[in-house]
């Protein structure tokens, strides 16, 4: 009976160490695989600038250098009373560009720089 107990005890200890070794090997392999896959990649962006020059002279400078004026499109649109004209109209243009895939990159009081991943 004592020999049987020793044999079972030895098998249990070996099973425990085998499982621990196997789990450690899997963890090491996972760490190596994720480290190799995490090399940084640079995403090229293209930029556009929304420029405030008043409601009649508001424009966007596109990545290809073309300038798009929005003044005539705002003739029919008036900001709500008490709303800042600059913020209101620039927000309208920003939403137009967001539909084209742009996101805000930087801003000042009179301009907003937007970007999107460059098309290849």
N, C-alpha and C. Protein backbone atom coordinates (compact mmCIF):
# COMPACT_ATOMS: atom_id res chain seq x y z
N UNK A 1 0.82 -1.18 0.00
CA UNK A 1 0.00 0.00 0.00
C UNK A 1 0.87 1.25 0.00
N UNK A 2 1.94 1.20 0.76
CA UNK A 2 2.84 2.34 0.87
C UNK A 2 3.55 2.61 -0.46
N UNK A 3 3.89 1.51 -1.20
CA UNK A 3 4.53 1.68 -2.51
C UNK A 3 3.56 2.33 -3.50
N UNK A 4 2.31 1.92 -3.45
CA UNK A 4 1.30 2.49 -4.33
C UNK A 4 1.12 3.98 -4.03
N UNK A 5 1.11 4.32 -2.76
CA UNK A 5 0.97 5.72 -2.38
C UNK A 5 2.16 6.54 -2.87
N UNK A 6 3.36 6.03 -2.75
CA UNK A 6 4.57 6.72 -3.23
C UNK A 6 4.53 6.92 -4.74
N UNK A 7 4.09 5.89 -5.44
CA UNK A 7 4.01 5.98 -6.90
C UNK A 7 2.99 7.04 -7.33
N UNK A 8 1.81 7.03 -6.70
CA UNK A 8 0.79 8.01 -7.04
C UNK A 8 1.25 9.43 -6.68
N UNK A 9 1.91 9.55 -5.56
CA UNK A 9 2.42 10.86 -5.14
C UNK A 9 3.47 11.39 -6.13
N UNK A 10 4.36 10.52 -6.60
CA UNK A 10 5.38 10.92 -7.56
C UNK A 10 4.74 11.33 -8.88
N UNK A 11 3.73 10.58 -9.35
CA UNK A 11 3.04 10.93 -10.59
C UNK A 11 2.33 12.29 -10.45
N UNK A 12 1.72 12.55 -9.29
CA UNK A 12 1.04 13.82 -9.08
C UNK A 12 2.02 14.98 -9.14
N UNK A 13 3.18 14.83 -8.47
CA UNK A 13 4.18 15.90 -8.49
C UNK A 13 4.73 16.13 -9.90
N UNK A 14 4.97 15.08 -10.65
CA UNK A 14 5.47 15.23 -12.01
C UNK A 14 4.42 15.88 -12.89
N UNK A 15 3.16 15.53 -12.69
CA UNK A 15 2.08 16.12 -13.47
C UNK A 15 2.00 17.62 -13.20
N UNK A 16 2.16 18.00 -11.93
CA UNK A 16 2.11 19.40 -11.56
C UNK A 16 3.25 20.17 -12.22
N UNK A 17 4.45 19.66 -12.20
CA UNK A 17 5.60 20.35 -12.81
C UNK A 17 5.50 20.37 -14.33
N UNK A 18 4.96 19.29 -14.90
CA UNK A 18 4.77 19.25 -16.34
C UNK A 18 3.78 20.32 -16.79
N UNK A 19 2.67 20.46 -16.07
CA UNK A 19 1.68 21.48 -16.40
C UNK A 19 2.26 22.88 -16.20
N UNK A 20 3.02 23.09 -15.14
CA UNK A 20 3.65 24.40 -14.92
C UNK A 20 4.65 24.73 -16.03
N UNK A 21 5.43 23.74 -16.45
CA UNK A 21 6.39 23.96 -17.54
C UNK A 21 5.68 24.26 -18.85
N UNK A 22 4.59 23.55 -19.11
CA UNK A 22 3.83 23.77 -20.32
C UNK A 22 3.19 25.16 -20.32
N UNK A 23 2.64 25.59 -19.21
CA UNK A 23 2.03 26.92 -19.11
C UNK A 23 3.10 28.01 -19.26
N UNK A 24 4.26 27.81 -18.66
CA UNK A 24 5.35 28.78 -18.80
C UNK A 24 5.83 28.89 -20.24
N UNK A 25 5.92 27.77 -20.94
CA UNK A 25 6.32 27.78 -22.35
C UNK A 25 5.31 28.51 -23.21
N UNK A 26 4.03 28.28 -22.95
CA UNK A 26 2.99 28.99 -23.72
C UNK A 26 3.05 30.48 -23.46
N UNK A 27 3.25 30.89 -22.22
CA UNK A 27 3.35 32.30 -21.89
C UNK A 27 4.56 32.93 -22.57
N UNK A 28 5.69 32.25 -22.57
CA UNK A 28 6.88 32.77 -23.23
C UNK A 28 6.66 32.90 -24.74
N UNK A 29 6.03 31.91 -25.35
CA UNK A 29 5.76 31.98 -26.79
C UNK A 29 4.81 33.13 -27.11
N UNK A 30 3.81 33.36 -26.27
CA UNK A 30 2.87 34.46 -26.49
C UNK A 30 3.58 35.81 -26.37
N UNK A 31 4.46 35.95 -25.40
CA UNK A 31 5.20 37.21 -25.23
C UNK A 31 6.10 37.48 -26.43
N UNK A 32 6.77 36.47 -26.92
CA UNK A 32 7.65 36.64 -28.08
C UNK A 32 6.83 37.00 -29.32
N UNK A 33 5.70 36.35 -29.51
CA UNK A 33 4.86 36.62 -30.68
C UNK A 33 4.29 38.03 -30.66
N UNK A 34 3.82 38.50 -29.50
CA UNK A 34 3.25 39.85 -29.45
C UNK A 34 4.32 40.91 -29.54
N UNK A 35 5.50 40.65 -29.05
CA UNK A 35 6.58 41.64 -29.15
C UNK A 35 7.03 41.80 -30.60
N UNK A 36 7.08 40.73 -31.33
CA UNK A 36 7.51 40.80 -32.72
C UNK A 36 6.47 41.51 -33.58
N UNK A 37 5.21 41.41 -33.22
CA UNK A 37 4.15 42.01 -34.03
C UNK A 37 3.91 43.47 -33.71
N UNK A 38 4.53 44.00 -32.66
CA UNK A 38 4.23 45.35 -32.24
C UNK A 38 5.23 46.38 -32.76
N UNK A 39 5.86 46.11 -33.87
CA UNK A 39 6.77 47.10 -34.43
C UNK A 39 5.97 48.28 -34.94
N UNK A 40 6.41 49.50 -34.64
CA UNK A 40 5.61 50.68 -35.02
C UNK A 40 5.56 50.87 -36.53
N UNK A 41 4.40 51.27 -36.97
CA UNK A 41 4.23 51.60 -38.38
C UNK A 41 3.78 53.05 -38.46
N UNK A 42 4.31 53.77 -39.39
CA UNK A 42 3.97 55.17 -39.57
C UNK A 42 2.82 55.27 -40.58
N UNK A 43 1.76 55.91 -40.16
CA UNK A 43 0.64 56.14 -41.06
C UNK A 43 0.82 57.51 -41.69
N UNK A 44 0.93 57.59 -43.01
CA UNK A 44 1.03 58.91 -43.64
C UNK A 44 -0.34 59.58 -43.64
N UNK A 45 -0.34 60.86 -43.30
CA UNK A 45 -1.57 61.64 -43.26
C UNK A 45 -1.53 62.74 -44.30
N UNK A 46 -2.71 63.17 -44.71
CA UNK A 46 -2.83 64.38 -45.52
C UNK A 46 -3.64 65.37 -44.70
N UNK A 47 -3.31 66.65 -44.84
CA UNK A 47 -3.87 67.69 -43.99
C UNK A 47 -4.64 68.72 -44.80
N UNK A 48 -5.66 69.27 -44.17
CA UNK A 48 -6.42 70.38 -44.73
C UNK A 48 -6.56 71.42 -43.62
N UNK A 49 -6.74 72.68 -44.01
CA UNK A 49 -6.88 73.76 -43.04
C UNK A 49 -8.17 74.52 -43.28
N UNK A 50 -8.97 74.64 -42.22
CA UNK A 50 -10.17 75.47 -42.27
C UNK A 50 -9.75 76.84 -41.75
N UNK A 51 -9.99 77.87 -42.53
CA UNK A 51 -9.52 79.22 -42.18
C UNK A 51 -10.72 80.16 -42.06
N UNK A 52 -10.79 80.89 -40.96
CA UNK A 52 -11.86 81.85 -40.73
C UNK A 52 -11.42 83.22 -41.20
N UNK A 53 -12.19 83.81 -42.08
CA UNK A 53 -11.94 85.17 -42.53
C UNK A 53 -13.25 85.94 -42.54
N UNK A 54 -14.15 85.55 -41.66
CA UNK A 54 -15.49 86.10 -41.64
C UNK A 54 -16.42 85.16 -42.39
N UNK A 55 -17.73 85.32 -42.23
CA UNK A 55 -18.66 84.39 -42.87
C UNK A 55 -18.59 84.42 -44.40
N UNK A 56 -18.17 85.52 -44.98
CA UNK A 56 -18.10 85.61 -46.45
C UNK A 56 -16.76 85.11 -47.00
N UNK A 57 -15.76 85.01 -46.15
CA UNK A 57 -14.42 84.64 -46.63
C UNK A 57 -13.89 83.38 -45.92
N UNK A 58 -14.76 82.53 -45.48
CA UNK A 58 -14.34 81.29 -44.84
C UNK A 58 -13.97 80.28 -45.91
N UNK A 59 -12.82 79.60 -45.74
CA UNK A 59 -12.37 78.68 -46.78
C UNK A 59 -11.60 77.51 -46.19
N UNK A 60 -11.43 76.50 -47.03
CA UNK A 60 -10.65 75.31 -46.68
C UNK A 60 -9.54 75.18 -47.70
N UNK A 61 -8.33 75.02 -47.21
CA UNK A 61 -7.19 74.73 -48.08
C UNK A 61 -7.03 73.21 -48.07
N UNK A 62 -7.26 72.59 -49.20
CA UNK A 62 -7.23 71.13 -49.33
C UNK A 62 -5.79 70.62 -49.43
N UNK A 63 -5.57 69.32 -49.22
CA UNK A 63 -4.22 68.76 -49.31
C UNK A 63 -3.55 68.96 -50.67
N UNK A 64 -4.34 69.03 -51.74
CA UNK A 64 -3.75 69.22 -53.07
C UNK A 64 -3.51 70.69 -53.40
N UNK A 65 -3.79 71.60 -52.44
CA UNK A 65 -3.53 73.02 -52.64
C UNK A 65 -4.72 73.81 -53.13
N UNK A 66 -5.78 73.13 -53.48
CA UNK A 66 -6.99 73.84 -53.93
C UNK A 66 -7.68 74.48 -52.74
N UNK A 67 -8.30 75.64 -53.01
CA UNK A 67 -9.00 76.38 -51.96
C UNK A 67 -10.49 76.33 -52.25
N UNK A 68 -11.26 75.95 -51.25
CA UNK A 68 -12.71 75.87 -51.39
C UNK A 68 -13.33 76.93 -50.47
N UNK A 69 -14.07 77.87 -51.05
CA UNK A 69 -14.73 78.92 -50.27
C UNK A 69 -16.14 78.49 -49.89
N UNK A 70 -16.53 78.81 -48.66
CA UNK A 70 -17.84 78.42 -48.16
C UNK A 70 -18.76 79.62 -47.93
N UNK A 71 -18.30 80.84 -48.19
CA UNK A 71 -19.07 82.05 -47.90
C UNK A 71 -20.44 82.07 -48.52
N UNK A 72 -20.55 81.70 -49.79
CA UNK A 72 -21.85 81.75 -50.47
C UNK A 72 -22.81 80.69 -49.93
N UNK A 73 -22.28 79.60 -49.38
CA UNK A 73 -23.14 78.55 -48.84
C UNK A 73 -23.77 78.97 -47.51
N UNK A 74 -23.19 79.99 -46.86
CA UNK A 74 -23.69 80.43 -45.56
C UNK A 74 -24.65 81.61 -45.67
N UNK A 75 -24.98 82.05 -46.88
CA UNK A 75 -25.91 83.17 -47.04
C UNK A 75 -27.28 82.87 -46.43
N UNK A 76 -27.72 81.64 -46.56
CA UNK A 76 -29.05 81.26 -46.07
C UNK A 76 -29.03 80.80 -44.62
N UNK A 77 -27.84 80.58 -44.06
CA UNK A 77 -27.74 80.02 -42.70
C UNK A 77 -27.30 81.12 -41.74
N UNK A 78 -28.03 81.28 -40.66
CA UNK A 78 -27.68 82.25 -39.62
C UNK A 78 -27.48 81.49 -38.30
N UNK A 79 -26.46 81.87 -37.55
CA UNK A 79 -26.27 81.22 -36.25
C UNK A 79 -27.40 81.60 -35.29
N UNK A 80 -27.71 80.73 -34.34
CA UNK A 80 -28.72 81.07 -33.34
C UNK A 80 -28.29 82.30 -32.54
N UNK A 81 -29.27 83.01 -32.01
CA UNK A 81 -28.96 84.22 -31.25
C UNK A 81 -28.10 83.88 -30.04
N UNK A 82 -27.07 84.68 -29.85
CA UNK A 82 -26.15 84.48 -28.73
C UNK A 82 -25.01 83.52 -29.04
N UNK A 83 -25.03 82.92 -30.21
CA UNK A 83 -23.98 81.96 -30.59
C UNK A 83 -22.85 82.69 -31.31
N UNK A 84 -21.64 82.32 -31.02
CA UNK A 84 -20.47 82.92 -31.67
C UNK A 84 -20.46 82.53 -33.15
N UNK A 85 -20.43 83.53 -34.01
CA UNK A 85 -20.47 83.32 -35.46
C UNK A 85 -19.30 82.45 -35.93
N UNK A 86 -18.11 82.78 -35.45
CA UNK A 86 -16.89 82.06 -35.80
C UNK A 86 -17.04 80.57 -35.48
N UNK A 87 -17.39 80.25 -34.25
CA UNK A 87 -17.52 78.85 -33.82
C UNK A 87 -18.60 78.12 -34.60
N UNK A 88 -19.71 78.79 -34.83
CA UNK A 88 -20.84 78.15 -35.51
C UNK A 88 -20.48 77.74 -36.94
N UNK A 89 -19.96 78.68 -37.71
CA UNK A 89 -19.65 78.38 -39.11
C UNK A 89 -18.47 77.41 -39.23
N UNK A 90 -17.47 77.56 -38.37
CA UNK A 90 -16.34 76.63 -38.45
C UNK A 90 -16.77 75.21 -38.08
N UNK A 91 -17.72 75.09 -37.17
CA UNK A 91 -18.23 73.77 -36.81
C UNK A 91 -18.99 73.14 -37.97
N UNK A 92 -19.74 73.95 -38.71
CA UNK A 92 -20.44 73.42 -39.89
C UNK A 92 -19.44 72.84 -40.90
N UNK A 93 -18.38 73.58 -41.18
CA UNK A 93 -17.38 73.10 -42.14
C UNK A 93 -16.63 71.89 -41.59
N UNK A 94 -16.35 71.90 -40.29
CA UNK A 94 -15.66 70.76 -39.68
C UNK A 94 -16.51 69.49 -39.82
N UNK A 95 -17.80 69.60 -39.67
CA UNK A 95 -18.67 68.43 -39.85
C UNK A 95 -18.70 67.96 -41.30
N UNK A 96 -18.62 68.89 -42.24
CA UNK A 96 -18.55 68.50 -43.65
C UNK A 96 -17.28 67.69 -43.91
N UNK A 97 -16.16 68.18 -43.36
CA UNK A 97 -14.89 67.47 -43.56
C UNK A 97 -14.84 66.14 -42.80
N UNK A 98 -15.52 66.07 -41.66
CA UNK A 98 -15.56 64.81 -40.90
C UNK A 98 -16.25 63.72 -41.72
N UNK A 99 -17.22 64.09 -42.51
CA UNK A 99 -17.90 63.11 -43.37
C UNK A 99 -16.97 62.60 -44.47
N UNK A 100 -15.91 63.36 -44.76
CA UNK A 100 -14.92 62.94 -45.74
C UNK A 100 -13.78 62.15 -45.10
N UNK A 101 -13.86 61.91 -43.79
CA UNK A 101 -12.86 61.10 -43.10
C UNK A 101 -11.81 61.90 -42.34
N UNK A 102 -11.96 63.21 -42.25
CA UNK A 102 -10.98 64.03 -41.54
C UNK A 102 -11.28 64.04 -40.04
N UNK A 103 -10.23 64.23 -39.27
CA UNK A 103 -10.35 64.42 -37.82
C UNK A 103 -9.51 65.63 -37.43
N UNK A 104 -9.86 66.27 -36.33
CA UNK A 104 -9.15 67.47 -35.90
C UNK A 104 -7.73 67.11 -35.46
N UNK A 105 -6.75 67.85 -35.95
CA UNK A 105 -5.36 67.64 -35.57
C UNK A 105 -4.88 68.77 -34.66
N UNK A 106 -5.30 70.01 -34.94
CA UNK A 106 -4.90 71.17 -34.14
C UNK A 106 -5.86 72.31 -34.43
N UNK A 107 -5.90 73.28 -33.52
CA UNK A 107 -6.77 74.43 -33.77
C UNK A 107 -6.33 75.66 -33.01
N UNK A 108 -6.69 76.81 -33.59
CA UNK A 108 -6.53 78.10 -32.95
C UNK A 108 -7.88 78.80 -33.06
N UNK A 109 -7.93 80.07 -32.68
CA UNK A 109 -9.20 80.80 -32.78
C UNK A 109 -9.68 80.96 -34.21
N UNK A 110 -8.75 81.06 -35.15
CA UNK A 110 -9.14 81.37 -36.52
C UNK A 110 -8.88 80.27 -37.53
N UNK A 111 -8.36 79.14 -37.09
CA UNK A 111 -8.17 78.04 -38.03
C UNK A 111 -8.21 76.70 -37.32
N UNK A 112 -8.59 75.69 -38.08
CA UNK A 112 -8.59 74.30 -37.60
C UNK A 112 -7.83 73.48 -38.63
N UNK A 113 -6.87 72.71 -38.17
CA UNK A 113 -6.13 71.80 -39.04
C UNK A 113 -6.72 70.42 -38.83
N UNK A 114 -7.09 69.78 -39.93
CA UNK A 114 -7.68 68.45 -39.89
C UNK A 114 -6.79 67.49 -40.69
N UNK A 115 -6.91 66.21 -40.39
CA UNK A 115 -6.10 65.22 -41.11
C UNK A 115 -6.90 63.96 -41.32
N UNK A 116 -6.44 63.16 -42.28
CA UNK A 116 -6.97 61.83 -42.52
C UNK A 116 -5.85 60.99 -43.09
N UNK A 117 -5.94 59.67 -42.99
CA UNK A 117 -4.90 58.85 -43.59
C UNK A 117 -4.81 59.13 -45.09
N UNK A 118 -3.57 59.24 -45.57
CA UNK A 118 -3.35 59.55 -46.99
C UNK A 118 -3.83 58.42 -47.86
N UNK A 119 -4.42 58.79 -48.97
CA UNK A 119 -4.86 57.79 -49.94
C UNK A 119 -3.72 57.45 -50.86
N UNK A 120 -3.57 56.20 -51.16
CA UNK A 120 -2.44 55.77 -51.99
C UNK A 120 -2.85 55.56 -53.39
